[in-house]
PDB file of N, CA and C in Angstrom:
ATOM      1  N   UNK A   1      96.419 115.475  84.097  1.00  0.00           N
ATOM      2  CA  UNK A   1      96.601 115.688  85.469  1.00  0.00           C
ATOM      3  C   UNK A   1      98.128 115.844  85.758  1.00  0.00           C
ATOM      4  N   UNK A   2      98.434 116.984  86.469  1.00  0.00           N
ATOM      5  CA  UNK A   2      99.850 117.212  86.669  1.00  0.00           C
ATOM      6  C   UNK A   2     100.428 116.172  87.754  1.00  0.00           C
ATOM      7  N   UNK A   3     101.677 116.044  87.791  1.00  0.00           N
ATOM      8  CA  UNK A   3     102.382 114.980  88.703  1.00  0.00           C
ATOM      9  C   UNK A   3     101.988 115.219  90.159  1.00  0.00           C
ATOM     10  N   UNK A   4     101.940 116.480  90.577  1.00  0.00           N
ATOM     11  CA  UNK A   4     101.727 116.809  92.002  1.00  0.00           C
ATOM     12  C   UNK A   4     100.339 116.337  92.383  1.00  0.00           C
ATOM     13  N   UNK A   5      99.295 116.780  91.548  1.00  0.00           N
ATOM     14  CA  UNK A   5      97.942 116.315  91.790  1.00  0.00           C
ATOM     15  C   UNK A   5      97.793 114.795  91.777  1.00  0.00           C
ATOM     16  N   UNK A   6      98.448 114.127  90.818  1.00  0.00           N
ATOM     17  CA  UNK A   6      98.326 112.718  90.709  1.00  0.00           C
ATOM     18  C   UNK A   6      98.939 112.033  92.027  1.00  0.00           C
ATOM     19  N   UNK A   7      99.978 112.528  92.569  1.00  0.00           N
ATOM     20  CA  UNK A   7     100.554 112.027  93.749  1.00  0.00           C
ATOM     21  C   UNK A   7      99.646 112.261  94.882  1.00  0.00           C
ATOM     22  N   UNK A   8      99.017 113.480  94.992  1.00  0.00           N
ATOM     23  CA  UNK A   8      98.080 113.786  96.079  1.00  0.00           C
ATOM     24  C   UNK A   8      96.880 112.783  96.054  1.00  0.00           C
ATOM     25  N   UNK A   9      96.380 112.545  94.847  1.00  0.00           N
ATOM     26  CA  UNK A   9      95.245 111.651  94.681  1.00  0.00           C
ATOM     27  C   UNK A   9      95.648 110.242  95.110  1.00  0.00           C
ATOM     28  N   UNK A  10      96.764 109.771  94.641  1.00  0.00           N
ATOM     29  CA  UNK A  10      97.273 108.376  95.024  1.00  0.00           C
ATOM     30  C   UNK A  10      97.426 108.258  96.509  1.00  0.00           C
ATOM     31  N   UNK A  11      97.928 109.308  97.218  1.00  0.00           N
ATOM     32  CA  UNK A  11      98.094 109.247  98.669  1.00  0.00           C
ATOM     33  C   UNK A  11      96.715 109.159  99.387  1.00  0.00           C
ATOM     34  N   UNK A  12      95.738 109.866  98.916  1.00  0.00           N
ATOM     35  CA  UNK A  12      94.451 109.874  99.518  1.00  0.00           C
ATOM     36  C   UNK A  12      93.800 108.472  99.302  1.00  0.00           C
ATOM     37  N   UNK A  13      93.955 107.939  98.112  1.00  0.00           N
ATOM     38  CA  UNK A  13      93.364 106.631  97.747  1.00  0.00           C
ATOM     39  C   UNK A  13      94.056 105.506  98.614  1.00  0.00           C
ATOM     40  N   UNK A  14      95.372 105.707  98.931  1.00  0.00           N
ATOM     41  CA  UNK A  14      96.090 104.655  99.647  1.00  0.00           C
ATOM     42  C   UNK A  14      95.785 104.669 101.138  1.00  0.00           C
ATOM     43  N   UNK A  15      95.234 105.843 101.566  1.00  0.00           N
ATOM     44  CA  UNK A  15      95.046 105.961 103.049  1.00  0.00           C
ATOM     45  C   UNK A  15      93.734 105.381 103.502  1.00  0.00           C
ATOM     46  N   UNK A  16      93.748 104.526 104.497  1.00  0.00           N
ATOM     47  CA  UNK A  16      92.447 104.022 104.995  1.00  0.00           C
ATOM     48  C   UNK A  16      91.664 105.114 105.739  1.00  0.00           C
ATOM     49  N   UNK A  17      90.370 104.991 105.801  1.00  0.00           N
ATOM     50  CA  UNK A  17      89.616 105.922 106.558  1.00  0.00           C
ATOM     51  C   UNK A  17      90.037 105.888 108.018  1.00  0.00           C
ATOM     52  N   UNK A  18      90.029 107.094 108.648  1.00  0.00           N
ATOM     53  CA  UNK A  18      90.427 107.205 110.085  1.00  0.00           C
ATOM     54  C   UNK A  18      89.655 106.212 110.852  1.00  0.00           C
ATOM     55  N   UNK A  19      90.311 105.619 111.856  1.00  0.00           N
ATOM     56  CA  UNK A  19      89.685 104.672 112.812  1.00  0.00           C
ATOM     57  C   UNK A  19      89.090 103.437 112.258  1.00  0.00           C
ATOM     58  N   UNK A  20      89.876 102.879 111.230  1.00  0.00           N
ATOM     59  CA  UNK A  20      89.251 101.703 110.500  1.00  0.00           C
ATOM     60  C   UNK A  20      90.170 100.504 110.777  1.00  0.00           C
ATOM     61  N   UNK A  21      91.269 100.625 111.474  1.00  0.00           N
ATOM     62  CA  UNK A  21      91.997  99.382 111.737  1.00  0.00           C
ATOM     63  C   UNK A  21      91.197  98.468 112.615  1.00  0.00           C
ATOM     64  N   UNK A  22      91.249  97.205 112.275  1.00  0.00           N
ATOM     65  CA  UNK A  22      90.435  96.240 113.100  1.00  0.00           C
ATOM     66  C   UNK A  22      91.226  94.932 113.367  1.00  0.00           C
ATOM     67  N   UNK A  23      90.628  94.046 114.028  1.00  0.00           N
ATOM     68  CA  UNK A  23      91.302  92.799 114.408  1.00  0.00           C
ATOM     69  C   UNK A  23      91.712  91.899 113.290  1.00  0.00           C
ATOM     70  N   UNK A  24      91.284  92.182 112.044  1.00  0.00           N
ATOM     71  CA  UNK A  24      91.731  91.422 110.858  1.00  0.00           C
ATOM     72  C   UNK A  24      92.934  92.007 110.231  1.00  0.00           C
ATOM     73  N   UNK A  25      93.322  93.272 110.653  1.00  0.00           N
ATOM     74  CA  UNK A  25      94.589  93.893 110.098  1.00  0.00           C
ATOM     75  C   UNK A  25      95.750  93.313 110.892  1.00  0.00           C
ATOM     76  N   UNK A  26      96.796  92.910 110.156  1.00  0.00           N
ATOM     77  CA  UNK A  26      97.920  92.189 110.798  1.00  0.00           C
ATOM     78  C   UNK A  26      99.245  92.956 110.517  1.00  0.00           C
ATOM     79  N   UNK A  27     100.116  92.958 111.531  1.00  0.00           N
ATOM     80  CA  UNK A  27     101.429  93.457 111.459  1.00  0.00           C
ATOM     81  C   UNK A  27     102.210  92.845 110.259  1.00  0.00           C
ATOM     82  N   UNK A  28     102.871  93.688 109.431  1.00  0.00           N
ATOM     83  CA  UNK A  28     103.663  93.197 108.266  1.00  0.00           C
ATOM     84  C   UNK A  28     104.865  92.448 108.811  1.00  0.00           C
ATOM     85  N   UNK A  29     105.296  92.671 110.070  1.00  0.00           N
ATOM     86  CA  UNK A  29     106.480  91.998 110.479  1.00  0.00           C
ATOM     87  C   UNK A  29     106.341  90.706 111.233  1.00  0.00           C
ATOM     88  N   UNK A  30     105.163  90.611 111.969  1.00  0.00           N
ATOM     89  CA  UNK A  30     105.039  89.478 112.873  1.00  0.00           C
ATOM     90  C   UNK A  30     103.645  88.759 112.740  1.00  0.00           C
ATOM     91  N   UNK A  31     102.722  89.534 112.144  1.00  0.00           N
ATOM     92  CA  UNK A  31     101.322  88.863 112.057  1.00  0.00           C
ATOM     93  C   UNK A  31     100.381  89.157 113.198  1.00  0.00           C
ATOM     94  N   UNK A  32     100.934  89.837 114.266  1.00  0.00           N
ATOM     95  CA  UNK A  32      99.968  90.179 115.395  1.00  0.00           C
ATOM     96  C   UNK A  32      98.990  91.262 114.900  1.00  0.00           C
ATOM     97  N   UNK A  33      98.046  91.571 115.699  1.00  0.00           N
ATOM     98  CA  UNK A  33      97.026  92.581 115.317  1.00  0.00           C
ATOM     99  C   UNK A  33      97.724  93.917 115.127  1.00  0.00           C
ATOM    100  N   UNK A  34      97.443  94.604 114.042  1.00  0.00           N
ATOM    101  CA  UNK A  34      98.018  95.900 113.752  1.00  0.00           C
ATOM    102  C   UNK A  34      97.235  97.000 114.429  1.00  0.00           C
ATOM    103  N   UNK A  35      97.935  97.988 114.957  1.00  0.00           N
ATOM    104  CA  UNK A  35      97.323  99.103 115.559  1.00  0.00           C
ATOM    105  C   UNK A  35      97.888 100.404 114.904  1.00  0.00           C
ATOM    106  N   UNK A  36      98.808 100.355 114.027  1.00  0.00           N
ATOM    107  CA  UNK A  36      99.387 101.492 113.380  1.00  0.00           C
ATOM    108  C   UNK A  36      99.503 101.259 111.889  1.00  0.00           C
ATOM    109  N   UNK A  37      99.052 102.245 111.112  1.00  0.00           N
ATOM    110  CA  UNK A  37      99.137 102.213 109.656  1.00  0.00           C
ATOM    111  C   UNK A  37     100.074 103.371 109.267  1.00  0.00           C
ATOM    112  N   UNK A  38     101.100 103.111 108.450  1.00  0.00           N
ATOM    113  CA  UNK A  38     102.054 104.082 108.076  1.00  0.00           C
ATOM    114  C   UNK A  38     102.082 104.192 106.522  1.00  0.00           C
ATOM    115  N   UNK A  39     101.907 105.416 105.991  1.00  0.00           N
ATOM    116  CA  UNK A  39     101.968 105.586 104.556  1.00  0.00           C
ATOM    117  C   UNK A  39     103.353 106.164 104.250  1.00  0.00           C
ATOM    118  N   UNK A  40     104.136 105.442 103.535  1.00  0.00           N
ATOM    119  CA  UNK A  40     105.516 105.860 103.133  1.00  0.00           C
ATOM    120  C   UNK A  40     105.434 106.279 101.670  1.00  0.00           C
ATOM    121  N   UNK A  41     106.446 107.146 101.321  1.00  0.00           N
ATOM    122  CA  UNK A  41     106.568 107.521  99.947  1.00  0.00           C
ATOM    123  C   UNK A  41     106.746 106.330  99.013  1.00  0.00           C
ATOM    124  N   UNK A  42     106.026 106.411  97.882  1.00  0.00           N
ATOM    125  CA  UNK A  42     105.993 105.320  96.963  1.00  0.00           C
ATOM    126  C   UNK A  42     105.403 104.024  97.410  1.00  0.00           C
ATOM    127  N   UNK A  43     104.583 104.070  98.405  1.00  0.00           N
ATOM    128  CA  UNK A  43     103.926 102.866  98.944  1.00  0.00           C
ATOM    129  C   UNK A  43     102.460 102.919  98.555  1.00  0.00           C
ATOM    130  N   UNK A  44     101.942 101.929  97.956  1.00  0.00           N
ATOM    131  CA  UNK A  44     100.509 101.983  97.468  1.00  0.00           C
ATOM    132  C   UNK A  44      99.578 101.589  98.547  1.00  0.00           C
ATOM    133  N   UNK A  45      99.940 100.683  99.418  1.00  0.00           N
ATOM    134  CA  UNK A  45      98.936 100.194 100.471  1.00  0.00           C
ATOM    135  C   UNK A  45      99.439 100.704 101.883  1.00  0.00           C
ATOM    136  N   UNK A  46     100.620 101.123 102.084  1.00  0.00           N
ATOM    137  CA  UNK A  46     101.090 101.546 103.411  1.00  0.00           C
ATOM    138  C   UNK A  46     101.528 100.263 104.140  1.00  0.00           C
ATOM    139  N   UNK A  47     102.029 100.537 105.307  1.00  0.00           N
ATOM    140  CA  UNK A  47     102.576  99.469 106.136  1.00  0.00           C
ATOM    141  C   UNK A  47     101.790  99.394 107.445  1.00  0.00           C
ATOM    142  N   UNK A  48     101.619  98.129 107.960  1.00  0.00           N
ATOM    143  CA  UNK A  48     100.808  97.909 109.179  1.00  0.00           C
ATOM    144  C   UNK A  48     101.764  97.336 110.187  1.00  0.00           C
ATOM    145  N   UNK A  49     101.634  97.924 111.468  1.00  0.00           N
ATOM    146  CA  UNK A  49     102.505  97.503 112.569  1.00  0.00           C
ATOM    147  C   UNK A  49     101.656  97.191 113.849  1.00  0.00           C
ATOM    148  N   UNK A  50     102.085  96.225 114.515  1.00  0.00           N
ATOM    149  CA  UNK A  50     101.552  96.015 115.917  1.00  0.00           C
ATOM    150  C   UNK A  50     102.261  97.094 116.761  1.00  0.00           C
ATOM    151  N   UNK A  51     101.827  97.242 118.026  1.00  0.00           N
ATOM    152  CA  UNK A  51     102.426  98.326 118.834  1.00  0.00           C
ATOM    153  C   UNK A  51     103.922  98.053 119.091  1.00  0.00           C
ATOM    154  N   UNK A  52     104.294  96.798 119.288  1.00  0.00           N
ATOM    155  CA  UNK A  52     105.665  96.459 119.616  1.00  0.00           C
ATOM    156  C   UNK A  52     106.626  96.953 118.407  1.00  0.00           C
ATOM    157  N   UNK A  53     106.254  96.543 117.225  1.00  0.00           N
ATOM    158  CA  UNK A  53     107.145  96.772 116.081  1.00  0.00           C
ATOM    159  C   UNK A  53     107.136  98.280 115.688  1.00  0.00           C
ATOM    160  N   UNK A  54     105.988  98.944 115.898  1.00  0.00           N
ATOM    161  CA  UNK A  54     105.942 100.412 115.664  1.00  0.00           C
ATOM    162  C   UNK A  54     106.858 101.088 116.648  1.00  0.00           C
ATOM    163  N   UNK A  55     106.696 100.729 117.912  1.00  0.00           N
ATOM    164  CA  UNK A  55     107.586 101.349 118.952  1.00  0.00           C
ATOM    165  C   UNK A  55     109.046 101.132 118.649  1.00  0.00           C
ATOM    166  N   UNK A  56     109.393  99.960 118.138  1.00  0.00           N
ATOM    167  CA  UNK A  56     110.798  99.652 117.809  1.00  0.00           C
ATOM    168  C   UNK A  56     111.275 100.442 116.714  1.00  0.00           C
ATOM    169  N   UNK A  57     110.417 100.802 115.693  1.00  0.00           N
ATOM    170  CA  UNK A  57     110.799 101.511 114.462  1.00  0.00           C
ATOM    171  C   UNK A  57     110.311 102.940 114.396  1.00  0.00           C
ATOM    172  N   UNK A  58     109.658 103.392 115.454  1.00  0.00           N
ATOM    173  CA  UNK A  58     108.857 104.700 115.317  1.00  0.00           C
ATOM    174  C   UNK A  58     109.762 105.873 114.830  1.00  0.00           C
ATOM    175  N   UNK A  59     110.959 106.012 115.406  1.00  0.00           N
ATOM    176  CA  UNK A  59     111.773 107.157 115.110  1.00  0.00           C
ATOM    177  C   UNK A  59     112.019 107.253 113.605  1.00  0.00           C
ATOM    178  N   UNK A  60     112.432 106.171 112.995  1.00  0.00           N
ATOM    179  CA  UNK A  60     112.697 106.153 111.535  1.00  0.00           C
ATOM    180  C   UNK A  60     111.514 106.310 110.689  1.00  0.00           C
ATOM    181  N   UNK A  61     110.430 105.678 111.145  1.00  0.00           N
ATOM    182  CA  UNK A  61     109.182 105.809 110.423  1.00  0.00           C
ATOM    183  C   UNK A  61     108.645 107.172 110.346  1.00  0.00           C
ATOM    184  N   UNK A  62     108.623 107.861 111.488  1.00  0.00           N
ATOM    185  CA  UNK A  62     108.186 109.215 111.624  1.00  0.00           C
ATOM    186  C   UNK A  62     109.069 110.221 110.756  1.00  0.00           C
ATOM    187  N   UNK A  63     110.271 109.873 110.637  1.00  0.00           N
ATOM    188  CA  UNK A  63     111.187 110.734 109.807  1.00  0.00           C
ATOM    189  C   UNK A  63     110.792 110.713 108.293  1.00  0.00           C
ATOM    190  N   UNK A  64     110.294 109.588 107.765  1.00  0.00           N
ATOM    191  CA  UNK A  64     109.994 109.452 106.395  1.00  0.00           C
ATOM    192  C   UNK A  64     108.527 109.346 106.037  1.00  0.00           C
ATOM    193  N   UNK A  65     107.699 109.093 107.019  1.00  0.00           N
ATOM    194  CA  UNK A  65     106.281 108.795 106.713  1.00  0.00           C
ATOM    195  C   UNK A  65     105.475 110.030 106.175  1.00  0.00           C
ATOM    196  N   UNK A  66     104.553 109.780 105.246  1.00  0.00           N
ATOM    197  CA  UNK A  66     103.732 110.831 104.757  1.00  0.00           C
ATOM    198  C   UNK A  66     102.542 111.012 105.751  1.00  0.00           C
ATOM    199  N   UNK A  67     102.041 109.926 106.233  1.00  0.00           N
ATOM    200  CA  UNK A  67     100.938 109.934 107.139  1.00  0.00           C
ATOM    201  C   UNK A  67     101.015 108.706 108.092  1.00  0.00           C
ATOM    202  N   UNK A  68     100.506 108.873 109.267  1.00  0.00           N
ATOM    203  CA  UNK A  68     100.436 107.730 110.255  1.00  0.00           C
ATOM    204  C   UNK A  68      99.087 107.840 110.932  1.00  0.00           C
ATOM    205  N   UNK A  69      98.398 106.627 110.916  1.00  0.00           N
ATOM    206  CA  UNK A  69      97.252 106.493 111.766  1.00  0.00           C
ATOM    207  C   UNK A  69      97.653 105.526 112.887  1.00  0.00           C
ATOM    208  N   UNK A  70      97.583 106.173 114.049  1.00  0.00           N
ATOM    209  CA  UNK A  70      98.047 105.468 115.298  1.00  0.00           C
ATOM    210  C   UNK A  70      96.910 105.205 116.248  1.00  0.00           C
ATOM    211  N   UNK A  71      96.499 103.923 116.332  1.00  0.00           N
ATOM    212  CA  UNK A  71      95.447 103.558 117.186  1.00  0.00           C
ATOM    213  C   UNK A  71      95.917 102.621 118.361  1.00  0.00           C
ATOM    214  N   UNK A  72      97.150 102.858 118.827  1.00  0.00           N
ATOM    215  CA  UNK A  72      97.626 102.126 119.910  1.00  0.00           C
ATOM    216  C   UNK A  72      96.850 102.265 121.216  1.00  0.00           C
ATOM    217  N   UNK A  73      96.074 103.430 121.267  1.00  0.00           N
ATOM    218  CA  UNK A  73      95.252 103.589 122.436  1.00  0.00           C
ATOM    219  C   UNK A  73      94.155 102.545 122.523  1.00  0.00           C
ATOM    220  N   UNK A  74      93.927 101.760 121.456  1.00  0.00           N
ATOM    221  CA  UNK A  74      92.947 100.728 121.500  1.00  0.00           C
ATOM    222  C   UNK A  74      93.476  99.421 122.158  1.00  0.00           C
ATOM    223  N   UNK A  75      94.802  99.384 122.303  1.00  0.00           N
ATOM    224  CA  UNK A  75      95.391  98.124 122.802  1.00  0.00           C
ATOM    225  C   UNK A  75      94.859  97.914 124.235  1.00  0.00           C
ATOM    226  N   UNK A  76      94.329  96.715 124.472  1.00  0.00           N
ATOM    227  CA  UNK A  76      93.783  96.370 125.776  1.00  0.00           C
ATOM    228  C   UNK A  76      92.583  97.167 126.215  1.00  0.00           C
ATOM    229  N   UNK A  77      91.938  97.837 125.255  1.00  0.00           N
ATOM    230  CA  UNK A  77      90.734  98.669 125.594  1.00  0.00           C
ATOM    231  C   UNK A  77      89.559  97.777 125.932  1.00  0.00           C
ATOM    232  N   UNK A  78      89.489  96.605 125.302  1.00  0.00           N
ATOM    233  CA  UNK A  78      88.481  95.633 125.708  1.00  0.00           C
ATOM    234  C   UNK A  78      89.045  94.262 125.553  1.00  0.00           C
ATOM    235  N   UNK A  79      88.562  93.215 126.205  1.00  0.00           N
ATOM    236  CA  UNK A  79      89.067  91.948 126.098  1.00  0.00           C
ATOM    237  C   UNK A  79      88.923  91.412 124.649  1.00  0.00           C
ATOM    238  N   UNK A  80      89.902  90.624 124.221  1.00  0.00           N
ATOM    239  CA  UNK A  80      89.878  90.096 122.905  1.00  0.00           C
ATOM    240  C   UNK A  80      88.815  88.890 122.882  1.00  0.00           C
ATOM    241  N   UNK A  81      88.445  88.457 121.732  1.00  0.00           N
ATOM    242  CA  UNK A  81      87.541  87.381 121.602  1.00  0.00           C
ATOM    243  C   UNK A  81      88.055  86.094 122.199  1.00  0.00           C
ATOM    244  N   UNK A  82      89.376  85.991 122.237  1.00  0.00           N
ATOM    245  CA  UNK A  82      90.012  84.719 122.788  1.00  0.00           C
ATOM    246  C   UNK A  82      90.185  84.822 124.305  1.00  0.00           C
ATOM    247  N   UNK A  83      89.818  85.898 124.987  1.00  0.00           N
ATOM    248  CA  UNK A  83      89.999  86.129 126.316  1.00  0.00           C
ATOM    249  C   UNK A  83      89.071  85.108 127.117  1.00  0.00           C
ATOM    250  N   UNK A  84      89.550  84.452 128.253  1.00  0.00           N
ATOM    251  CA  UNK A  84      88.666  83.535 128.965  1.00  0.00           C
ATOM    252  C   UNK A  84      87.549  84.260 129.680  1.00  0.00           C
ATOM    253  N   UNK A  85      87.588  85.547 129.812  1.00  0.00           N
ATOM    254  CA  UNK A  85      86.521  86.223 130.604  1.00  0.00           C
ATOM    255  C   UNK A  85      85.315  86.588 129.737  1.00  0.00           C
TER     256      UNK A  85
END
């Protein structure tokens, strides 16, 4: 397998299926629920970010990212399990 094909296969294997981030996925910086997954060069698992930390780092991440799954639209789309309602 040539190097380019091997890299493409590794990138596909590292990418989660679209729309799969859930409440068990946690931000790598603070531990809050992750809503954004970022695949960076030479990253096997990618990086997970809450909305706040992705917003803070978005410019730099978009500059170098191979792929981004952004599900921030899900923030506050329904009450959390810990909500009193």
